[in-house]
Amino acid sequence: MSLESQIREILDNFQGTSSEKILEILNQIKHQFKNNLTSEYLQGKTQKIYDITDEAEKKKQCKALIPYLDWYLQGL
């Protein structure tokens, strides 16, 4: 399955997608942003989410990063 397909699947079924899957995809796309500050910011945010133990809180934090998935689909 292509990265684009996986992102669309996440966006279509965010609640049914694990935070681990969302973070995995975010980590795959973070280096494709043209601005290094954006990539570094996303790296820091995903690392903080990995450190959270509560799945509900992880999902809440992942939801705030949905715009990055949208930007990827729009061609960065």
N, C-alpha and C. Protein backbone atom coordinates (compact mmCIF):
# COMPACT_ATOMS: atom_id res chain seq x y z
N MET A 1 0.85 -1.18 0.00
CA MET A 1 0.00 0.00 0.00
C MET A 1 0.89 1.24 0.00
N SER A 2 0.59 2.19 -0.85
CA SER A 2 1.40 3.39 -0.95
C SER A 2 1.22 4.27 0.29
N LEU A 3 2.18 5.15 0.48
CA LEU A 3 2.13 6.07 1.61
C LEU A 3 0.90 6.95 1.51
N GLU A 4 0.60 7.41 0.32
CA GLU A 4 -0.59 8.24 0.11
C GLU A 4 -1.86 7.49 0.49
N SER A 5 -1.95 6.23 0.11
CA SER A 5 -3.12 5.42 0.46
C SER A 5 -3.25 5.23 1.96
N GLN A 6 -2.11 5.02 2.62
CA GLN A 6 -2.13 4.85 4.07
C GLN A 6 -2.58 6.13 4.77
N ILE A 7 -2.15 7.28 4.27
CA ILE A 7 -2.55 8.55 4.86
C ILE A 7 -4.05 8.77 4.67
N ARG A 8 -4.54 8.49 3.48
CA ARG A 8 -5.98 8.63 3.23
C ARG A 8 -6.78 7.71 4.14
N GLU A 9 -6.28 6.51 4.35
CA GLU A 9 -6.95 5.56 5.24
C GLU A 9 -7.00 6.11 6.68
N ILE A 10 -5.91 6.69 7.13
CA ILE A 10 -5.86 7.28 8.47
C ILE A 10 -6.87 8.42 8.57
N LEU A 11 -6.88 9.28 7.57
CA LEU A 11 -7.79 10.43 7.61
C LEU A 11 -9.25 9.99 7.54
N ASP A 12 -9.52 8.93 6.80
CA ASP A 12 -10.89 8.43 6.69
C ASP A 12 -11.36 7.71 7.94
N ASN A 13 -10.42 7.13 8.68
CA ASN A 13 -10.78 6.35 9.86
C ASN A 13 -9.82 6.66 11.01
N PHE A 14 -9.74 7.93 11.36
CA PHE A 14 -8.80 8.34 12.40
C PHE A 14 -9.04 7.61 13.71
N GLN A 15 -10.28 7.53 14.15
CA GLN A 15 -10.59 6.90 15.44
C GLN A 15 -10.24 5.41 15.46
N GLY A 16 -10.32 4.77 14.31
CA GLY A 16 -10.04 3.34 14.23
C GLY A 16 -8.58 3.01 13.97
N THR A 17 -7.75 4.03 13.86
CA THR A 17 -6.33 3.84 13.58
C THR A 17 -5.53 4.00 14.87
N SER A 18 -4.59 3.11 15.10
CA SER A 18 -3.79 3.18 16.32
C SER A 18 -2.84 4.37 16.25
N SER A 19 -2.49 4.88 17.41
CA SER A 19 -1.55 6.00 17.47
C SER A 19 -0.19 5.57 16.92
N GLU A 20 0.16 4.31 17.11
CA GLU A 20 1.44 3.80 16.61
C GLU A 20 1.50 3.91 15.08
N LYS A 21 0.41 3.57 14.41
CA LYS A 21 0.35 3.65 12.96
C LYS A 21 0.44 5.10 12.50
N ILE A 22 -0.26 5.98 13.17
CA ILE A 22 -0.22 7.40 12.83
C ILE A 22 1.20 7.95 12.99
N LEU A 23 1.83 7.62 14.10
CA LEU A 23 3.20 8.09 14.35
C LEU A 23 4.18 7.51 13.34
N GLU A 24 3.97 6.26 12.96
CA GLU A 24 4.82 5.63 11.95
C GLU A 24 4.76 6.41 10.63
N ILE A 25 3.56 6.77 10.21
CA ILE A 25 3.39 7.52 8.97
C ILE A 25 3.98 8.92 9.09
N LEU A 26 3.76 9.57 10.21
CA LEU A 26 4.33 10.91 10.42
C LEU A 26 5.85 10.86 10.36
N ASN A 27 6.44 9.81 10.91
CA ASN A 27 7.89 9.68 10.86
C ASN A 27 8.38 9.44 9.44
N GLN A 28 7.58 8.80 8.62
CA GLN A 28 7.97 8.57 7.23
C GLN A 28 7.91 9.85 6.40
N ILE A 29 7.01 10.75 6.73
CA ILE A 29 6.86 11.96 5.91
C ILE A 29 7.64 13.16 6.43
N LYS A 30 8.12 13.12 7.66
CA LYS A 30 8.72 14.32 8.27
C LYS A 30 9.93 14.85 7.50
N HIS A 31 10.67 13.98 6.85
CA HIS A 31 11.86 14.43 6.13
C HIS A 31 11.53 15.01 4.76
N GLN A 32 10.28 14.92 4.35
CA GLN A 32 9.90 15.41 3.03
C GLN A 32 9.42 16.86 3.05
N PHE A 33 9.31 17.44 4.23
CA PHE A 33 8.93 18.84 4.31
C PHE A 33 10.11 19.71 3.87
N LYS A 34 9.82 20.76 3.14
CA LYS A 34 10.86 21.62 2.58
C LYS A 34 11.56 22.45 3.64
N ASN A 35 10.87 22.74 4.71
CA ASN A 35 11.41 23.57 5.78
C ASN A 35 11.96 22.68 6.88
N ASN A 36 13.25 22.84 7.19
CA ASN A 36 13.87 22.02 8.23
C ASN A 36 13.24 22.24 9.60
N LEU A 37 12.81 23.48 9.88
CA LEU A 37 12.17 23.75 11.16
C LEU A 37 10.89 22.93 11.31
N THR A 38 10.15 22.78 10.22
CA THR A 38 8.92 21.99 10.26
C THR A 38 9.26 20.53 10.55
N SER A 39 10.27 20.01 9.90
CA SER A 39 10.69 18.62 10.12
C SER A 39 11.15 18.40 11.55
N GLU A 40 11.93 19.34 12.06
CA GLU A 40 12.42 19.23 13.44
C GLU A 40 11.28 19.33 14.44
N TYR A 41 10.35 20.24 14.19
CA TYR A 41 9.20 20.38 15.08
C TYR A 41 8.40 19.09 15.11
N LEU A 42 8.14 18.53 13.94
CA LEU A 42 7.37 17.28 13.86
C LEU A 42 8.12 16.14 14.55
N GLN A 43 9.42 16.10 14.42
CA GLN A 43 10.23 15.08 15.11
C GLN A 43 10.06 15.20 16.63
N GLY A 44 10.15 16.42 17.13
CA GLY A 44 9.99 16.64 18.57
C GLY A 44 8.61 16.26 19.06
N LYS A 45 7.58 16.64 18.30
CA LYS A 45 6.21 16.31 18.71
C LYS A 45 5.97 14.80 18.70
N THR A 46 6.43 14.12 17.67
CA THR A 46 6.20 12.67 17.62
C THR A 46 6.96 11.96 18.74
N GLN A 47 8.16 12.43 19.05
CA GLN A 47 8.92 11.80 20.13
C GLN A 47 8.21 11.96 21.47
N LYS A 48 7.64 13.12 21.72
CA LYS A 48 6.90 13.35 22.96
C LYS A 48 5.67 12.44 23.02
N ILE A 49 5.02 12.23 21.89
CA ILE A 49 3.84 11.36 21.87
C ILE A 49 4.25 9.91 22.13
N TYR A 50 5.37 9.48 21.56
CA TYR A 50 5.86 8.12 21.83
C TYR A 50 6.06 7.89 23.33
N ASP A 51 6.46 8.93 24.04
CA ASP A 51 6.75 8.80 25.47
C ASP A 51 5.49 8.73 26.34
N ILE A 52 4.34 9.07 25.79
CA ILE A 52 3.08 9.02 26.54
C ILE A 52 2.63 7.57 26.66
N THR A 53 2.15 7.18 27.82
CA THR A 53 1.73 5.79 28.02
C THR A 53 0.24 5.58 27.81
N ASP A 54 -0.56 6.61 27.96
CA ASP A 54 -2.01 6.50 27.83
C ASP A 54 -2.43 6.63 26.35
N GLU A 55 -3.05 5.59 25.81
CA GLU A 55 -3.44 5.57 24.39
C GLU A 55 -4.41 6.71 24.05
N ALA A 56 -5.34 7.01 24.93
CA ALA A 56 -6.30 8.09 24.67
C ALA A 56 -5.58 9.43 24.53
N GLU A 57 -4.60 9.66 25.37
CA GLU A 57 -3.83 10.91 25.30
C GLU A 57 -2.97 10.93 24.04
N LYS A 58 -2.41 9.79 23.67
CA LYS A 58 -1.63 9.71 22.43
C LYS A 58 -2.49 10.09 21.23
N LYS A 59 -3.71 9.55 21.18
CA LYS A 59 -4.61 9.85 20.07
C LYS A 59 -4.96 11.34 20.04
N LYS A 60 -5.18 11.90 21.21
CA LYS A 60 -5.49 13.33 21.31
C LYS A 60 -4.34 14.16 20.73
N GLN A 61 -3.13 13.80 21.09
CA GLN A 61 -1.96 14.52 20.60
C GLN A 61 -1.75 14.29 19.09
N CYS A 62 -2.02 13.08 18.63
CA CYS A 62 -1.90 12.77 17.20
C CYS A 62 -2.91 13.57 16.38
N LYS A 63 -4.08 13.78 16.94
CA LYS A 63 -5.12 14.52 16.23
C LYS A 63 -4.64 15.93 15.89
N ALA A 64 -3.84 16.50 16.76
CA ALA A 64 -3.32 17.85 16.52
C ALA A 64 -2.32 17.88 15.36
N LEU A 65 -1.84 16.71 14.94
CA LEU A 65 -0.85 16.64 13.86
C LEU A 65 -1.48 16.27 12.51
N ILE A 66 -2.78 16.16 12.46
CA ILE A 66 -3.47 15.84 11.21
C ILE A 66 -3.12 16.80 10.07
N PRO A 67 -2.95 18.10 10.32
CA PRO A 67 -2.59 19.00 9.21
C PRO A 67 -1.35 18.57 8.44
N TYR A 68 -0.41 17.91 9.11
CA TYR A 68 0.79 17.44 8.41
C TYR A 68 0.45 16.36 7.40
N LEU A 69 -0.50 15.53 7.72
CA LEU A 69 -0.95 14.51 6.78
C LEU A 69 -1.65 15.16 5.59
N ASP A 70 -2.47 16.16 5.87
CA ASP A 70 -3.15 16.90 4.80
C ASP A 70 -2.13 17.59 3.89
N TRP A 71 -1.13 18.22 4.48
CA TRP A 71 -0.11 18.91 3.69
C TRP A 71 0.62 17.93 2.78
N TYR A 72 0.89 16.75 3.31
CA TYR A 72 1.57 15.75 2.47
C TYR A 72 0.73 15.42 1.25
N LEU A 73 -0.55 15.21 1.46
CA LEU A 73 -1.44 14.87 0.35
C LEU A 73 -1.56 16.01 -0.66
N GLN A 74 -1.41 17.24 -0.20
CA GLN A 74 -1.51 18.40 -1.08
C GLN A 74 -0.21 18.67 -1.82
N GLY A 75 0.78 17.86 -1.56
CA GLY A 75 2.06 18.02 -2.27
C GLY A 75 3.09 18.86 -1.55
N LEU A 76 2.93 18.99 -0.24
CA LEU A 76 3.86 19.74 0.59
C LEU A 76 4.04 21.11 -0.02
